[in-house]
Amino acid sequence: MYIKDFMIRNMTSVSDCDTLEYAIELMQKAQMNVLPVVDNENIYLGSIYSRNLLKNILPEEYGYLESVRLLHNVNQAANNLHEIRRKLVKDYMSKKVIALKDSDEMKHVAEIMLKNKESVLFITNKIGRLRGYINRGDLLYYLLKAGE
């Protein structure tokens, strides 16, 4: 069974020249914590993660999402975000991310997801154009079907 048979094709992406503000708005609308970053020919360049943005705006002494202390400094985090919101996605995106091909076999997805601690993997065609994504729910569905 191939990735193309299980991947989700409808998705939202951002350009590396989009602003962080735009990317955050798309994340919220799409209910995604990570978005693929593409160029004007839809070539997959990397990903922008909400956790990376949070790490950039939270006061360093409070760590990443330590909820009690975060509430105390929500104004500082909001101010920090306000300062970087017009910066470009390319300055905050992860370029070293794994993309699978739509022609790859599904049996490799579990190992790659778990080894790299990813809940979403983006899928490209042979020339690197973004085609869709696979999430852990899709992986579970594949395993369910593979066991029949």
C-alpha atoms as a PDB file:
ATOM      1  CA  MET A   1       0.000   0.000   0.000  1.00  0.00           C
ATOM      2  CA  TYR A   2       1.279   3.422  -0.961  1.00  0.00           C
ATOM      3  CA  ILE A   3       1.213   6.797   0.763  1.00  0.00           C
ATOM      4  CA  LYS A   4      -0.829   8.299  -2.071  1.00  0.00           C
ATOM      5  CA  ASP A   5      -3.686   5.966  -1.094  1.00  0.00           C
ATOM      6  CA  PHE A   6      -3.860   7.323   2.494  1.00  0.00           C
ATOM      7  CA  MET A   7      -2.596  10.916   2.361  1.00  0.00           C
ATOM      8  CA  ILE A   8      -4.764  13.978   2.816  1.00  0.00           C
ATOM      9  CA  ARG A   9      -4.654  16.158  -0.260  1.00  0.00           C
ATOM     10  CA  ASN A  10      -6.527  19.246   0.943  1.00  0.00           C
ATOM     11  CA  MET A  11      -4.227  21.449   2.966  1.00  0.00           C
ATOM     12  CA  THR A  12      -3.053  24.942   3.640  1.00  0.00           C
ATOM     13  CA  SER A  13       0.502  26.035   2.947  1.00  0.00           C
ATOM     14  CA  VAL A  14       2.519  29.224   3.294  1.00  0.00           C
ATOM     15  CA  SER A  15       5.295  30.802   1.270  1.00  0.00           C
ATOM     16  CA  ASP A  16       8.708  31.464   2.756  1.00  0.00           C
ATOM     17  CA  CYS A  17       8.042  35.156   2.027  1.00  0.00           C
ATOM     18  CA  ASP A  18       4.763  35.275   3.995  1.00  0.00           C
ATOM     19  CA  THR A  19       4.732  36.988   7.375  1.00  0.00           C
ATOM     20  CA  LEU A  20       4.571  35.116  10.661  1.00  0.00           C
ATOM     21  CA  GLU A  21       1.280  36.864  11.369  1.00  0.00           C
ATOM     22  CA  TYR A  22      -0.222  35.375   8.206  1.00  0.00           C
ATOM     23  CA  ALA A  23       1.170  31.920   9.027  1.00  0.00           C
ATOM     24  CA  ILE A  24      -0.282  32.050  12.557  1.00  0.00           C
ATOM     25  CA  GLU A  25      -3.695  33.065  11.208  1.00  0.00           C
ATOM     26  CA  LEU A  26      -3.599  30.134   8.745  1.00  0.00           C
ATOM     27  CA  MET A  27      -2.556  27.712  11.486  1.00  0.00           C
ATOM     28  CA  GLN A  28      -5.562  28.773  13.531  1.00  0.00           C
ATOM     29  CA  LYS A  29      -7.996  28.551  10.606  1.00  0.00           C
ATOM     30  CA  ALA A  30      -6.657  25.174   9.470  1.00  0.00           C
ATOM     31  CA  GLN A  31      -6.387  23.909  13.071  1.00  0.00           C
ATOM     32  CA  MET A  32      -2.821  22.774  12.386  1.00  0.00           C
ATOM     33  CA  ASN A  33       0.263  23.169  14.581  1.00  0.00           C
ATOM     34  CA  VAL A  34       2.573  22.928  11.593  1.00  0.00           C
ATOM     35  CA  LEU A  35       2.273  24.177   8.027  1.00  0.00           C
ATOM     36  CA  PRO A  36       4.282  23.280   4.949  1.00  0.00           C
ATOM     37  CA  VAL A  37       6.335  26.064   3.386  1.00  0.00           C
ATOM     38  CA  VAL A  38       6.443  26.124  -0.413  1.00  0.00           C
ATOM     39  CA  ASP A  39       7.846  28.336  -3.161  1.00  0.00           C
ATOM     40  CA  ASN A  40       5.836  29.833  -6.034  1.00  0.00           C
ATOM     41  CA  GLU A  41       6.005  26.499  -7.925  1.00  0.00           C
ATOM     42  CA  ASN A  42       4.669  24.561  -4.917  1.00  0.00           C
ATOM     43  CA  ILE A  43       8.085  22.989  -4.199  1.00  0.00           C
ATOM     44  CA  TYR A  44       8.262  21.937  -0.560  1.00  0.00           C
ATOM     45  CA  LEU A  45      10.944  23.959   1.261  1.00  0.00           C
ATOM     46  CA  GLY A  46      10.318  23.059   4.905  1.00  0.00           C
ATOM     47  CA  SER A  47       7.838  23.576   7.719  1.00  0.00           C
ATOM     48  CA  ILE A  48       6.812  26.289  10.152  1.00  0.00           C
ATOM     49  CA  TYR A  49       5.967  24.914  13.606  1.00  0.00           C
ATOM     50  CA  SER A  50       3.840  26.627  16.252  1.00  0.00           C
ATOM     51  CA  ARG A  51       6.168  25.235  18.936  1.00  0.00           C
ATOM     52  CA  ASN A  52       9.149  27.020  17.357  1.00  0.00           C
ATOM     53  CA  LEU A  53       7.237  30.295  17.329  1.00  0.00           C
ATOM     54  CA  LEU A  54       6.234  29.808  20.963  1.00  0.00           C
ATOM     55  CA  LYS A  55       9.841  29.145  21.929  1.00  0.00           C
ATOM     56  CA  ASN A  56      10.784  32.454  20.297  1.00  0.00           C
ATOM     57  CA  ILE A  57       8.234  34.561  22.175  1.00  0.00           C
ATOM     58  CA  LEU A  58       8.120  33.023  25.642  1.00  0.00           C
ATOM     59  CA  PRO A  59      10.461  34.483  28.223  1.00  0.00           C
ATOM     60  CA  GLU A  60      13.475  32.204  28.361  1.00  0.00           C
ATOM     61  CA  GLU A  61      13.502  31.910  32.139  1.00  0.00           C
ATOM     62  CA  TYR A  62      10.042  30.315  32.058  1.00  0.00           C
ATOM     63  CA  GLY A  63      10.817  27.571  29.600  1.00  0.00           C
ATOM     64  CA  TYR A  64       8.446  26.189  27.027  1.00  0.00           C
ATOM     65  CA  LEU A  65       4.782  26.241  28.029  1.00  0.00           C
ATOM     66  CA  GLU A  66       5.154  25.953  31.770  1.00  0.00           C
ATOM     67  CA  SER A  67       1.527  26.976  32.244  1.00  0.00           C
ATOM     68  CA  VAL A  68       1.582  28.620  35.696  1.00  0.00           C
ATOM     69  CA  ARG A  69       4.451  30.910  34.832  1.00  0.00           C
ATOM     70  CA  LEU A  70       3.181  31.531  31.313  1.00  0.00           C
ATOM     71  CA  LEU A  71      -0.005  33.078  32.680  1.00  0.00           C
ATOM     72  CA  HIS A  72       2.091  35.458  34.733  1.00  0.00           C
ATOM     73  CA  ASN A  73       3.952  36.680  31.659  1.00  0.00           C
ATOM     74  CA  VAL A  74       1.319  36.487  28.936  1.00  0.00           C
ATOM     75  CA  ASN A  75       1.738  40.219  28.296  1.00  0.00           C
ATOM     76  CA  GLN A  76       5.447  39.793  27.686  1.00  0.00           C
ATOM     77  CA  ALA A  77       4.792  36.906  25.280  1.00  0.00           C
ATOM     78  CA  ALA A  78       2.168  38.985  23.441  1.00  0.00           C
ATOM     79  CA  ASN A  79       4.610  41.895  23.193  1.00  0.00           C
ATOM     80  CA  ASN A  80       7.333  39.585  21.898  1.00  0.00           C
ATOM     81  CA  LEU A  81       4.981  38.198  19.261  1.00  0.00           C
ATOM     82  CA  HIS A  82       3.932  41.694  18.271  1.00  0.00           C
ATOM     83  CA  GLU A  83       7.610  42.525  17.659  1.00  0.00           C
ATOM     84  CA  ILE A  84       8.187  39.574  15.305  1.00  0.00           C
ATOM     85  CA  ARG A  85       4.783  39.240  13.634  1.00  0.00           C
ATOM     86  CA  ARG A  86       5.896  41.045  10.461  1.00  0.00           C
ATOM     87  CA  LYS A  87       9.051  38.958  10.091  1.00  0.00           C
ATOM     88  CA  LEU A  88       9.152  36.372   7.321  1.00  0.00           C
ATOM     89  CA  VAL A  89       8.420  32.670   7.579  1.00  0.00           C
ATOM     90  CA  LYS A  90      11.815  31.867   6.024  1.00  0.00           C
ATOM     91  CA  ASP A  91      13.537  33.235   9.141  1.00  0.00           C
ATOM     92  CA  TYR A  92      11.660  30.869  11.496  1.00  0.00           C
ATOM     93  CA  MET A  93      10.914  27.785   9.390  1.00  0.00           C
ATOM     94  CA  SER A  94      12.608  24.430   9.792  1.00  0.00           C
ATOM     95  CA  LYS A  95      14.451  23.485   6.627  1.00  0.00           C
ATOM     96  CA  LYS A  96      15.745  20.120   7.822  1.00  0.00           C
ATOM     97  CA  VAL A  97      12.501  18.217   7.750  1.00  0.00           C
ATOM     98  CA  ILE A  98      11.632  14.882   6.236  1.00  0.00           C
ATOM     99  CA  ALA A  99       9.281  14.743   3.293  1.00  0.00           C
ATOM    100  CA  LEU A 100       8.067  11.456   1.903  1.00  0.00           C
ATOM    101  CA  LYS A 101       7.135  10.735  -1.692  1.00  0.00           C
ATOM    102  CA  ASP A 102       3.567   9.878  -2.637  1.00  0.00           C
ATOM    103  CA  SER A 103       4.945   6.720  -4.289  1.00  0.00           C
ATOM    104  CA  ASP A 104       6.625   5.500  -1.047  1.00  0.00           C
ATOM    105  CA  GLU A 105       5.150   2.557   0.815  1.00  0.00           C
ATOM    106  CA  MET A 106       3.071   3.220   3.921  1.00  0.00           C
ATOM    107  CA  LYS A 107       5.034   0.709   5.990  1.00  0.00           C
ATOM    108  CA  HIS A 108       7.856   3.263   6.344  1.00  0.00           C
ATOM    109  CA  VAL A 109       5.638   6.014   7.798  1.00  0.00           C
ATOM    110  CA  ALA A 110       5.416   4.649  11.365  1.00  0.00           C
ATOM    111  CA  GLU A 111       9.159   4.322  11.780  1.00  0.00           C
ATOM    112  CA  ILE A 112       9.846   7.797  10.408  1.00  0.00           C
ATOM    113  CA  MET A 113       7.073   9.447  12.463  1.00  0.00           C
ATOM    114  CA  LEU A 114       8.139   7.848  15.709  1.00  0.00           C
ATOM    115  CA  LYS A 115      11.879   8.223  15.181  1.00  0.00           C
ATOM    116  CA  ASN A 116      11.531  11.930  14.376  1.00  0.00           C
ATOM    117  CA  LYS A 117       8.712  12.656  16.866  1.00  0.00           C
ATOM    118  CA  GLU A 118       6.483  14.057  14.123  1.00  0.00           C
ATOM    119  CA  SER A 119       2.703  13.950  14.173  1.00  0.00           C
ATOM    120  CA  VAL A 120       2.475  15.123  10.555  1.00  0.00           C
ATOM    121  CA  LEU A 121       4.678  14.272   7.581  1.00  0.00           C
ATOM    122  CA  PHE A 122       4.386  16.190   4.338  1.00  0.00           C
ATOM    123  CA  ILE A 123       4.235  14.363   1.036  1.00  0.00           C
ATOM    124  CA  THR A 124       5.752  15.432  -2.267  1.00  0.00           C
ATOM    125  CA  ASN A 125       5.846  14.005  -5.761  1.00  0.00           C
ATOM    126  CA  LYS A 126       9.068  12.910  -7.455  1.00  0.00           C
ATOM    127  CA  ILE A 127      10.128  16.480  -8.288  1.00  0.00           C
ATOM    128  CA  GLY A 128       9.435  17.851  -4.813  1.00  0.00           C
ATOM    129  CA  ARG A 129       6.044  19.487  -5.321  1.00  0.00           C
ATOM    130  CA  LEU A 130       3.831  19.347  -2.257  1.00  0.00           C
ATOM    131  CA  ARG A 131       1.020  16.818  -2.681  1.00  0.00           C
ATOM    132  CA  GLY A 132      -0.452  16.324   0.786  1.00  0.00           C
ATOM    133  CA  TYR A 133       0.280  15.089   4.262  1.00  0.00           C
ATOM    134  CA  ILE A 134      -0.015  12.037   6.482  1.00  0.00           C
ATOM    135  CA  ASN A 135      -0.878  12.291  10.170  1.00  0.00           C
ATOM    136  CA  ARG A 136      -0.996   9.726  12.966  1.00  0.00           C
ATOM    137  CA  GLY A 137      -4.693   9.096  12.349  1.00  0.00           C
ATOM    138  CA  ASP A 138      -3.896   8.131   8.755  1.00  0.00           C
ATOM    139  CA  LEU A 139      -1.167   5.832  10.024  1.00  0.00           C
ATOM    140  CA  LEU A 140      -3.623   4.126  12.390  1.00  0.00           C
ATOM    141  CA  TYR A 141      -6.117   3.696   9.556  1.00  0.00           C
ATOM    142  CA  TYR A 142      -3.414   2.097   7.405  1.00  0.00           C
ATOM    143  CA  LEU A 143      -2.513  -0.300  10.231  1.00  0.00           C
ATOM    144  CA  LEU A 144      -6.179  -1.188  10.661  1.00  0.00           C
ATOM    145  CA  LYS A 145      -6.487  -1.999   6.942  1.00  0.00           C
ATOM    146  CA  ALA A 146      -3.153  -3.824   6.818  1.00  0.00           C
ATOM    147  CA  GLY A 147      -4.340  -6.169   9.579  1.00  0.00           C
ATOM    148  CA  GLU A 148      -7.463  -7.251   7.663  1.00  0.00           C
END
